[in-house]
Amino acid sequence: MEIQSKRVEIIPAKRRAMILDRLRRDGAASIIELSEEIGASASTIRRDLEQLTEGGYLERTHGGALLVPPLRATFEHEPSLNAELQHPQKRAIGALAALRVNPGDSVIFDTGSTVLEAVRATAERQIPLTAVTNSIETARLCAECPSWRVIVPGGSVRPGSQMMVGEPGVTFFGTIHADICLVGAYAITGRILTDASLEVAALKRAMIGSARRAILLIDSTKFRAPSFSAFCDIAAISEIITDDGASPDDLAALRALNVKVTVANVAGEQR
């Protein structure tokens, strides 16, 4: 009965994120192993693996799957799936990021699932602020806070997402001076931050340039080979908040660059 309940409750994006998290941890798994761990039928897991393979996440094997790191620099996660990946880690990172916001601040909220967790955590604090975002989803959440002034710069909605890119948003960011920018990245490689899309990278660059300080929110899976378009050098970042899945070598390399690094664990602690 318990397995049946899990099958009903787990939505496809969550289930596929669980598969990817398991494969990221172990490298490979069989359909039977995944079925037992997730609580879904073998046929359901098989369909999930087919979807993930078509999306470029996996390589199928006989009776199972292998995790394949995206080889294309322009590879992008499907938004609903990305929101479920590393969710406890993203929530812990967002909780720490929310503590960096002071009452009355003007805050630029980038798009992305980790920054969205920071928005949720900041909203729970019920402090007044001015929120600027190019995310329709974030703007909708911000609008539920009566003490927040919400500004949406505008632009064209990117297909398959709730993100606005291009003009007039990019030009708008050149006209403001915000207190903080909470920004994400598709990858951090050495001292370079990158995104898979030229237009998204251009917007992130404008956001960072419009804030007195920029705080980078990245879960530990973002330490990887660069994506297509560089948007920032680490020198432009005041603080990096990540989770305790990051390797000691990656953390030491960042601290050697004289950037403040804060590490959150799933319980919301920091070190």
C-alpha atoms as a PDB file:
ATOM      1  CA  MET A   1       0.000   0.000   0.000  1.00  0.00           C
ATOM      2  CA  GLU A   2       2.841   2.374   0.761  1.00  0.00           C
ATOM      3  CA  ILE A   3       4.360   1.861  -2.677  1.00  0.00           C
ATOM      4  CA  GLN A   4       1.007   2.522  -4.308  1.00  0.00           C
ATOM      5  CA  SER A   5       0.759   5.826  -2.406  1.00  0.00           C
ATOM      6  CA  LYS A   6       4.182   6.903  -3.605  1.00  0.00           C
ATOM      7  CA  ARG A   7       3.216   6.098  -7.187  1.00  0.00           C
ATOM      8  CA  VAL A   8       0.211   8.382  -6.954  1.00  0.00           C
ATOM      9  CA  GLU A   9       1.986  11.272  -5.235  1.00  0.00           C
ATOM     10  CA  ILE A  10       5.218  11.604  -7.238  1.00  0.00           C
ATOM     11  CA  ILE A  11       4.793  13.793 -10.302  1.00  0.00           C
ATOM     12  CA  PRO A  12       6.807  12.902 -13.437  1.00  0.00           C
ATOM     13  CA  ALA A  13       9.300  15.786 -13.083  1.00  0.00           C
ATOM     14  CA  LYS A  14       9.975  14.865  -9.465  1.00  0.00           C
ATOM     15  CA  ARG A  15      10.334  11.189 -10.340  1.00  0.00           C
ATOM     16  CA  ARG A  16      12.788  11.925 -13.150  1.00  0.00           C
ATOM     17  CA  ALA A  17      14.768  14.227 -10.882  1.00  0.00           C
ATOM     18  CA  MET A  18      15.013  11.368  -8.376  1.00  0.00           C
ATOM     19  CA  ILE A  19      16.358   9.148 -11.137  1.00  0.00           C
ATOM     20  CA  LEU A  20      18.993  11.719 -12.124  1.00  0.00           C
ATOM     21  CA  ASP A  21      20.004  12.310  -8.516  1.00  0.00           C
ATOM     22  CA  ARG A  22      20.429   8.561  -7.995  1.00  0.00           C
ATOM     23  CA  LEU A  23      22.502   8.224 -11.171  1.00  0.00           C
ATOM     24  CA  ARG A  24      24.580  11.269 -10.262  1.00  0.00           C
ATOM     25  CA  ARG A  25      25.385   9.595  -6.974  1.00  0.00           C
ATOM     26  CA  ASP A  26      26.099   6.085  -8.300  1.00  0.00           C
ATOM     27  CA  GLY A  27      26.784   6.586 -12.017  1.00  0.00           C
ATOM     28  CA  ALA A  28      24.458   3.771 -13.113  1.00  0.00           C
ATOM     29  CA  ALA A  29      21.379   1.870 -11.970  1.00  0.00           C
ATOM     30  CA  SER A  30      19.062  -0.836 -13.213  1.00  0.00           C
ATOM     31  CA  ILE A  31      15.360  -0.399 -13.873  1.00  0.00           C
ATOM     32  CA  ILE A  32      14.593  -2.790 -11.005  1.00  0.00           C
ATOM     33  CA  GLU A  33      16.750  -0.793  -8.569  1.00  0.00           C
ATOM     34  CA  LEU A  34      15.153   2.491  -9.598  1.00  0.00           C
ATOM     35  CA  SER A  35      11.659   1.014  -9.410  1.00  0.00           C
ATOM     36  CA  GLU A  36      12.199  -0.252  -5.873  1.00  0.00           C
ATOM     37  CA  GLU A  37      13.857   2.939  -4.629  1.00  0.00           C
ATOM     38  CA  ILE A  38      11.372   5.390  -6.155  1.00  0.00           C
ATOM     39  CA  GLY A  39       8.243   3.297  -5.710  1.00  0.00           C
ATOM     40  CA  ALA A  40       7.120   3.295  -9.336  1.00  0.00           C
ATOM     41  CA  SER A  41       6.433   0.414 -11.688  1.00  0.00           C
ATOM     42  CA  ALA A  42       9.160  -0.848 -13.979  1.00  0.00           C
ATOM     43  CA  SER A  43       7.169   0.283 -17.020  1.00  0.00           C
ATOM     44  CA  THR A  44       6.909   3.800 -15.604  1.00  0.00           C
ATOM     45  CA  ILE A  45      10.654   3.914 -14.909  1.00  0.00           C
ATOM     46  CA  ARG A  46      11.327   2.614 -18.415  1.00  0.00           C
ATOM     47  CA  ARG A  47       9.261   5.458 -19.915  1.00  0.00           C
ATOM     48  CA  ASP A  48      11.070   7.968 -17.705  1.00  0.00           C
ATOM     49  CA  LEU A  49      14.429   6.655 -18.886  1.00  0.00           C
ATOM     50  CA  GLU A  50      13.305   6.973 -22.495  1.00  0.00           C
ATOM     51  CA  GLN A  51      12.284  10.605 -21.913  1.00  0.00           C
ATOM     52  CA  LEU A  52      15.562  11.410 -20.164  1.00  0.00           C
ATOM     53  CA  THR A  53      17.560   9.719 -22.915  1.00  0.00           C
ATOM     54  CA  GLU A  54      15.738  11.694 -25.608  1.00  0.00           C
ATOM     55  CA  GLY A  55      16.462  14.856 -23.616  1.00  0.00           C
ATOM     56  CA  GLY A  56      20.191  14.126 -23.599  1.00  0.00           C
ATOM     57  CA  TYR A  57      20.516  13.418 -19.882  1.00  0.00           C
ATOM     58  CA  LEU A  58      21.205   9.691 -20.027  1.00  0.00           C
ATOM     59  CA  GLU A  59      22.595   6.844 -22.043  1.00  0.00           C
ATOM     60  CA  ARG A  60      20.464   3.697 -21.948  1.00  0.00           C
ATOM     61  CA  THR A  61      22.012   0.350 -21.139  1.00  0.00           C
ATOM     62  CA  HIS A  62      20.485  -3.112 -21.198  1.00  0.00           C
ATOM     63  CA  GLY A  63      18.086  -3.073 -18.252  1.00  0.00           C
ATOM     64  CA  GLY A  64      19.154   0.319 -16.914  1.00  0.00           C
ATOM     65  CA  ALA A  65      20.875   3.637 -17.602  1.00  0.00           C
ATOM     66  CA  LEU A  66      24.114   5.577 -17.231  1.00  0.00           C
ATOM     67  CA  LEU A  67      24.354   9.273 -16.404  1.00  0.00           C
ATOM     68  CA  VAL A  68      26.024  11.204 -19.221  1.00  0.00           C
ATOM     69  CA  PRO A  69      27.223  14.719 -18.434  1.00  0.00           C
ATOM     70  CA  PRO A  70      25.877  17.062 -21.125  1.00  0.00           C
ATOM     71  CA  LEU A  71      28.548  17.381 -23.783  1.00  0.00           C
ATOM     72  CA  ARG A  72      26.924  20.230 -25.696  1.00  0.00           C
ATOM     73  CA  ALA A  73      27.791  23.679 -24.394  1.00  0.00           C
ATOM     74  CA  THR A  74      24.269  24.824 -25.276  1.00  0.00           C
ATOM     75  CA  PHE A  75      22.536  22.022 -23.332  1.00  0.00           C
ATOM     76  CA  GLU A  76      19.741  23.308 -21.071  1.00  0.00           C
ATOM     77  CA  HIS A  77      17.650  21.458 -18.497  1.00  0.00           C
ATOM     78  CA  GLU A  78      13.910  21.294 -19.025  1.00  0.00           C
ATOM     79  CA  PRO A  79      12.523  23.900 -16.524  1.00  0.00           C
ATOM     80  CA  SER A  80      10.058  21.701 -14.605  1.00  0.00           C
ATOM     81  CA  LEU A  81      12.670  18.967 -14.214  1.00  0.00           C
ATOM     82  CA  ASN A  82      15.371  21.445 -13.208  1.00  0.00           C
ATOM     83  CA  ALA A  83      13.134  22.792 -10.435  1.00  0.00           C
ATOM     84  CA  GLU A  84      13.107  19.325  -8.832  1.00  0.00           C
ATOM     85  CA  LEU A  85      16.825  18.580  -9.161  1.00  0.00           C
ATOM     86  CA  GLN A  86      18.845  19.098  -5.946  1.00  0.00           C
ATOM     87  CA  HIS A  87      15.748  20.635  -4.371  1.00  0.00           C
ATOM     88  CA  PRO A  88      16.758  20.264  -0.695  1.00  0.00           C
ATOM     89  CA  GLN A  89      20.139  21.815  -1.494  1.00  0.00           C
ATOM     90  CA  LYS A  90      18.535  24.696  -3.379  1.00  0.00           C
ATOM     91  CA  ARG A  91      16.140  25.313  -0.509  1.00  0.00           C
ATOM     92  CA  ALA A  92      19.027  25.475   1.985  1.00  0.00           C
ATOM     93  CA  ILE A  93      20.957  27.862  -0.266  1.00  0.00           C
ATOM     94  CA  GLY A  94      17.880  30.055  -0.689  1.00  0.00           C
ATOM     95  CA  ALA A  95      17.334  30.225   3.070  1.00  0.00           C
ATOM     96  CA  LEU A  96      20.844  31.592   3.595  1.00  0.00           C
ATOM     97  CA  ALA A  97      20.535  34.018   0.690  1.00  0.00           C
ATOM     98  CA  ALA A  98      17.328  35.463   2.176  1.00  0.00           C
ATOM     99  CA  LEU A  99      19.292  36.497   5.266  1.00  0.00           C
ATOM    100  CA  ARG A 100      21.451  38.772   3.103  1.00  0.00           C
ATOM    101  CA  VAL A 101      18.438  40.963   2.321  1.00  0.00           C
ATOM    102  CA  ASN A 102      17.722  43.890   4.651  1.00  0.00           C
ATOM    103  CA  PRO A 103      14.401  45.721   5.093  1.00  0.00           C
ATOM    104  CA  GLY A 104      14.021  48.416   2.463  1.00  0.00           C
ATOM    105  CA  ASP A 105      16.594  46.913   0.076  1.00  0.00           C
ATOM    106  CA  SER A 106      16.174  46.923  -3.680  1.00  0.00           C
ATOM    107  CA  VAL A 107      16.835  43.375  -4.898  1.00  0.00           C
ATOM    108  CA  ILE A 108      17.307  42.002  -8.400  1.00  0.00           C
ATOM    109  CA  PHE A 109      16.094  38.416  -8.533  1.00  0.00           C
ATOM    110  CA  ASP A 110      17.505  36.435 -11.443  1.00  0.00           C
ATOM    111  CA  THR A 111      15.523  33.543 -12.891  1.00  0.00           C
ATOM    112  CA  GLY A 112      16.340  29.977 -11.924  1.00  0.00           C
ATOM    113  CA  SER A 113      15.149  27.448  -9.398  1.00  0.00           C
ATOM    114  CA  THR A 114      17.764  28.259  -6.740  1.00  0.00           C
ATOM    115  CA  VAL A 115      17.045  31.980  -6.820  1.00  0.00           C
ATOM    116  CA  LEU A 116      13.336  31.177  -6.657  1.00  0.00           C
ATOM    117  CA  GLU A 117      13.954  29.389  -3.354  1.00  0.00           C
ATOM    118  CA  ALA A 118      15.636  32.568  -2.112  1.00  0.00           C
ATOM    119  CA  VAL A 119      12.542  34.547  -3.132  1.00  0.00           C
ATOM    120  CA  ARG A 120      10.310  32.178  -1.160  1.00  0.00           C
ATOM    121  CA  ALA A 121      12.539  32.402   1.907  1.00  0.00           C
ATOM    122  CA  THR A 122      12.714  36.197   1.690  1.00  0.00           C
ATOM    123  CA  ALA A 123       8.938  36.439   1.374  1.00  0.00           C
ATOM    124  CA  GLU A 124       8.561  34.474   4.614  1.00  0.00           C
ATOM    125  CA  ARG A 125      10.513  37.187   6.432  1.00  0.00           C
ATOM    126  CA  GLN A 126       7.751  39.728   5.583  1.00  0.00           C
ATOM    127  CA  ILE A 127      10.124  42.677   5.249  1.00  0.00           C
ATOM    128  CA  PRO A 128       9.532  45.608   2.882  1.00  0.00           C
ATOM    129  CA  LEU A 129      11.658  45.756  -0.248  1.00  0.00           C
ATOM    130  CA  THR A 130      11.712  46.596  -3.946  1.00  0.00           C
ATOM    131  CA  ALA A 131      11.938  43.491  -6.108  1.00  0.00           C
ATOM    132  CA  VAL A 132      13.116  43.590  -9.723  1.00  0.00           C
ATOM    133  CA  THR A 133      12.854  40.417 -11.785  1.00  0.00           C
ATOM    134  CA  ASN A 134      12.638  39.204 -15.364  1.00  0.00           C
ATOM    135  CA  SER A 135      10.819  36.040 -14.271  1.00  0.00           C
ATOM    136  CA  ILE A 136       7.041  35.861 -14.616  1.00  0.00           C
ATOM    137  CA  GLU A 137       6.912  33.119 -11.963  1.00  0.00           C
ATOM    138  CA  THR A 138       9.002  35.162  -9.524  1.00  0.00           C
ATOM    139  CA  ALA A 139       6.991  38.317 -10.189  1.00  0.00           C
ATOM    140  CA  ARG A 140       3.786  36.436  -9.431  1.00  0.00           C
ATOM    141  CA  LEU A 141       5.220  35.216  -6.137  1.00  0.00           C
ATOM    142  CA  CYS A 142       6.546  38.662  -5.223  1.00  0.00           C
ATOM    143  CA  ALA A 143       3.174  40.228  -5.957  1.00  0.00           C
ATOM    144  CA  GLU A 144       1.679  38.193  -3.106  1.00  0.00           C
ATOM    145  CA  CYS A 145       3.819  40.170  -0.620  1.00  0.00           C
ATOM    146  CA  PRO A 146       1.879  43.348   0.241  1.00  0.00           C
ATOM    147  CA  SER A 147       4.989  45.228   1.431  1.00  0.00           C
ATOM    148  CA  TRP A 148       6.944  44.590  -1.769  1.00  0.00           C
ATOM    149  CA  ARG A 149       7.131  46.922  -4.727  1.00  0.00           C
ATOM    150  CA  VAL A 150       7.547  44.679  -7.777  1.00  0.00           C
ATOM    151  CA  ILE A 151       9.174  45.858 -11.013  1.00  0.00           C
ATOM    152  CA  VAL A 152       9.249  43.755 -14.171  1.00  0.00           C
ATOM    153  CA  PRO A 153      11.632  45.251 -16.767  1.00  0.00           C
ATOM    154  CA  GLY A 154       9.919  43.599 -19.727  1.00  0.00           C
ATOM    155  CA  GLY A 155      11.157  41.761 -22.793  1.00  0.00           C
ATOM    156  CA  SER A 156      10.153  38.747 -24.847  1.00  0.00           C
ATOM    157  CA  VAL A 157       9.082  35.541 -23.114  1.00  0.00           C
ATOM    158  CA  ARG A 158      11.603  32.844 -23.880  1.00  0.00           C
ATOM    159  CA  PRO A 159       9.919  29.784 -25.435  1.00  0.00           C
ATOM    160  CA  GLY A 160       9.334  26.979 -22.948  1.00  0.00           C
ATOM    161  CA  SER A 161      10.047  29.140 -19.920  1.00  0.00           C
ATOM    162  CA  GLN A 162       8.658  31.959 -17.780  1.00  0.00           C
ATOM    163  CA  MET A 163      11.714  34.113 -18.386  1.00  0.00           C
ATOM    164  CA  MET A 164      11.764  37.416 -20.267  1.00  0.00           C
ATOM    165  CA  VAL A 165      14.884  38.280 -22.234  1.00  0.00           C
ATOM    166  CA  GLY A 166      16.069  41.021 -24.567  1.00  0.00           C
ATOM    167  CA  GLU A 167      14.728  44.539 -24.776  1.00  0.00           C
ATOM    168  CA  PRO A 168      13.553  46.632 -23.050  1.00  0.00           C
ATOM    169  CA  GLY A 169      14.853  44.630 -20.084  1.00  0.00           C
ATOM    170  CA  VAL A 170      18.581  44.799 -20.859  1.00  0.00           C
ATOM    171  CA  THR A 171      18.495  48.580 -21.346  1.00  0.00           C
ATOM    172  CA  PHE A 172      16.393  49.026 -18.209  1.00  0.00           C
ATOM    173  CA  PHE A 173      19.037  47.399 -16.033  1.00  0.00           C
ATOM    174  CA  GLY A 174      21.511  50.006 -17.255  1.00  0.00           C
ATOM    175  CA  THR A 175      19.357  52.717 -15.670  1.00  0.00           C
ATOM    176  CA  ILE A 176      19.030  51.398 -12.097  1.00  0.00           C
ATOM    177  CA  HIS A 177      21.336  50.933  -9.103  1.00  0.00           C
ATOM    178  CA  ALA A 178      20.050  48.118  -6.900  1.00  0.00           C
ATOM    179  CA  ASP A 179      21.399  47.082  -3.513  1.00  0.00           C
ATOM    180  CA  ILE A 180      21.706  43.357  -4.237  1.00  0.00           C
ATOM    181  CA  CYS A 181      21.523  40.986  -7.183  1.00  0.00           C
ATOM    182  CA  LEU A 182      20.816  37.329  -6.429  1.00  0.00           C
ATOM    183  CA  VAL A 183      21.981  35.490  -9.526  1.00  0.00           C
ATOM    184  CA  GLY A 184      22.422  31.913 -10.660  1.00  0.00           C
ATOM    185  CA  ALA A 185      24.695  30.302 -13.241  1.00  0.00           C
ATOM    186  CA  TYR A 186      24.533  27.249 -15.423  1.00  0.00           C
ATOM    187  CA  ALA A 187      28.181  26.495 -14.703  1.00  0.00           C
ATOM    188  CA  ILE A 188      31.123  27.796 -12.712  1.00  0.00           C
ATOM    189  CA  THR A 189      34.532  26.856 -14.087  1.00  0.00           C
ATOM    190  CA  GLY A 190      37.522  28.308 -12.326  1.00  0.00           C
ATOM    191  CA  ARG A 191      36.757  31.997 -12.132  1.00  0.00           C
ATOM    192  CA  ILE A 192      34.306  32.133 -15.049  1.00  0.00           C
ATOM    193  CA  LEU A 193      30.488  31.943 -14.847  1.00  0.00           C
ATOM    194  CA  THR A 194      28.590  30.790 -17.923  1.00  0.00           C
ATOM    195  CA  ASP A 195      25.117  30.144 -19.296  1.00  0.00           C
ATOM    196  CA  ALA A 196      23.977  28.004 -22.199  1.00  0.00           C
ATOM    197  CA  SER A 197      22.219  30.906 -23.946  1.00  0.00           C
ATOM    198  CA  LEU A 198      23.673  34.139 -25.334  1.00  0.00           C
ATOM    199  CA  GLU A 199      20.523  36.123 -24.568  1.00  0.00           C
ATOM    200  CA  VAL A 200      20.276  34.851 -20.988  1.00  0.00           C
ATOM    201  CA  ALA A 201      23.967  35.548 -20.410  1.00  0.00           C
ATOM    202  CA  ALA A 202      23.525  39.111 -21.679  1.00  0.00           C
ATOM    203  CA  LEU A 203      20.690  39.702 -19.211  1.00  0.00           C
ATOM    204  CA  LYS A 204      22.640  38.260 -16.273  1.00  0.00           C
ATOM    205  CA  ARG A 205      25.584  40.500 -17.176  1.00  0.00           C
ATOM    206  CA  ALA A 206      23.311  43.545 -17.132  1.00  0.00           C
ATOM    207  CA  MET A 207      21.763  42.534 -13.795  1.00  0.00           C
ATOM    208  CA  ILE A 208      25.121  42.108 -12.087  1.00  0.00           C
ATOM    209  CA  GLY A 209      26.319  45.443 -13.445  1.00  0.00           C
ATOM    210  CA  SER A 210      23.251  47.161 -11.979  1.00  0.00           C
ATOM    211  CA  ALA A 211      23.790  46.082  -8.365  1.00  0.00           C
ATOM    212  CA  ARG A 212      26.112  47.265  -5.628  1.00  0.00           C
ATOM    213  CA  ARG A 213      26.829  43.648  -4.793  1.00  0.00           C
ATOM    214  CA  ALA A 214      26.056  40.356  -6.480  1.00  0.00           C
ATOM    215  CA  ILE A 215      25.564  37.073  -4.653  1.00  0.00           C
ATOM    216  CA  LEU A 216      25.905  33.886  -6.671  1.00  0.00           C
ATOM    217  CA  LEU A 217      23.570  31.019  -5.727  1.00  0.00           C
ATOM    218  CA  ILE A 218      24.729  27.684  -7.134  1.00  0.00           C
ATOM    219  CA  ASP A 219      24.186  24.106  -6.044  1.00  0.00           C
ATOM    220  CA  SER A 220      27.174  21.788  -6.050  1.00  0.00           C
ATOM    221  CA  THR A 221      26.362  20.252  -9.453  1.00  0.00           C
ATOM    222  CA  LYS A 222      27.195  23.568 -11.150  1.00  0.00           C
ATOM    223  CA  PHE A 223      30.940  23.043 -10.700  1.00  0.00           C
ATOM    224  CA  ARG A 224      31.568  21.686 -14.181  1.00  0.00           C
ATOM    225  CA  ALA A 225      32.771  22.417 -17.702  1.00  0.00           C
ATOM    226  CA  PRO A 226      31.738  25.821 -19.052  1.00  0.00           C
ATOM    227  CA  SER A 227      28.528  26.405 -20.960  1.00  0.00           C
ATOM    228  CA  PHE A 228      28.298  28.366 -24.180  1.00  0.00           C
ATOM    229  CA  SER A 229      28.387  32.011 -23.079  1.00  0.00           C
ATOM    230  CA  ALA A 230      30.463  33.659 -20.333  1.00  0.00           C
ATOM    231  CA  PHE A 231      28.684  36.446 -18.471  1.00  0.00           C
ATOM    232  CA  CYS A 232      30.832  37.191 -15.443  1.00  0.00           C
ATOM    233  CA  ASP A 233      34.250  36.869 -13.842  1.00  0.00           C
ATOM    234  CA  ILE A 234      34.322  35.816 -10.207  1.00  0.00           C
ATOM    235  CA  ALA A 235      35.766  39.236  -9.325  1.00  0.00           C
ATOM    236  CA  ALA A 236      32.299  40.759  -9.847  1.00  0.00           C
ATOM    237  CA  ILE A 237      30.762  38.470  -7.194  1.00  0.00           C
ATOM    238  CA  SER A 238      30.687  39.486  -3.522  1.00  0.00           C
ATOM    239  CA  GLU A 239      29.708  36.087  -2.143  1.00  0.00           C
ATOM    240  CA  ILE A 240      29.018  32.562  -3.356  1.00  0.00           C
ATOM    241  CA  ILE A 241      26.474  30.406  -1.552  1.00  0.00           C
ATOM    242  CA  THR A 242      26.535  26.717  -2.387  1.00  0.00           C
ATOM    243  CA  ASP A 243      25.816  23.409  -0.637  1.00  0.00           C
ATOM    244  CA  ASP A 244      28.001  20.869   1.121  1.00  0.00           C
ATOM    245  CA  GLY A 245      28.035  18.589  -1.901  1.00  0.00           C
ATOM    246  CA  ALA A 246      30.746  20.817  -3.383  1.00  0.00           C
ATOM    247  CA  SER A 247      34.179  19.203  -3.299  1.00  0.00           C
ATOM    248  CA  PRO A 248      36.822  20.555  -0.905  1.00  0.00           C
ATOM    249  CA  ASP A 249      39.060  21.255  -3.907  1.00  0.00           C
ATOM    250  CA  ASP A 250      36.395  23.416  -5.593  1.00  0.00           C
ATOM    251  CA  LEU A 251      35.755  25.337  -2.372  1.00  0.00           C
ATOM    252  CA  ALA A 252      39.467  25.866  -1.731  1.00  0.00           C
ATOM    253  CA  ALA A 253      39.963  27.112  -5.296  1.00  0.00           C
ATOM    254  CA  LEU A 254      37.204  29.692  -4.861  1.00  0.00           C
ATOM    255  CA  ARG A 255      38.516  30.903  -1.521  1.00  0.00           C
ATOM    256  CA  ALA A 256      41.967  31.257  -3.070  1.00  0.00           C
ATOM    257  CA  LEU A 257      40.409  33.831  -5.396  1.00  0.00           C
ATOM    258  CA  ASN A 258      39.496  35.971  -2.368  1.00  0.00           C
ATOM    259  CA  VAL A 259      35.759  35.518  -2.772  1.00  0.00           C
ATOM    260  CA  LYS A 260      33.557  34.861   0.240  1.00  0.00           C
ATOM    261  CA  VAL A 261      32.122  31.336   0.104  1.00  0.00           C
ATOM    262  CA  THR A 262      29.262  30.171   2.325  1.00  0.00           C
ATOM    263  CA  VAL A 263      28.316  26.491   2.382  1.00  0.00           C
ATOM    264  CA  ALA A 264      24.816  25.352   3.350  1.00  0.00           C
ATOM    265  CA  ASN A 265      23.797  21.807   4.179  1.00  0.00           C
ATOM    266  CA  VAL A 266      20.347  20.338   3.721  1.00  0.00           C
ATOM    267  CA  ALA A 267      19.454  21.224   7.328  1.00  0.00           C
ATOM    268  CA  GLY A 268      20.126  24.901   6.595  1.00  0.00           C
ATOM    269  CA  GLU A 269      23.370  25.189   8.532  1.00  0.00           C
ATOM    270  CA  GLN A 270      26.427  26.996   7.207  1.00  0.00           C
ATOM    271  CA  ARG A 271      30.191  26.803   7.496  1.00  0.00           C
END
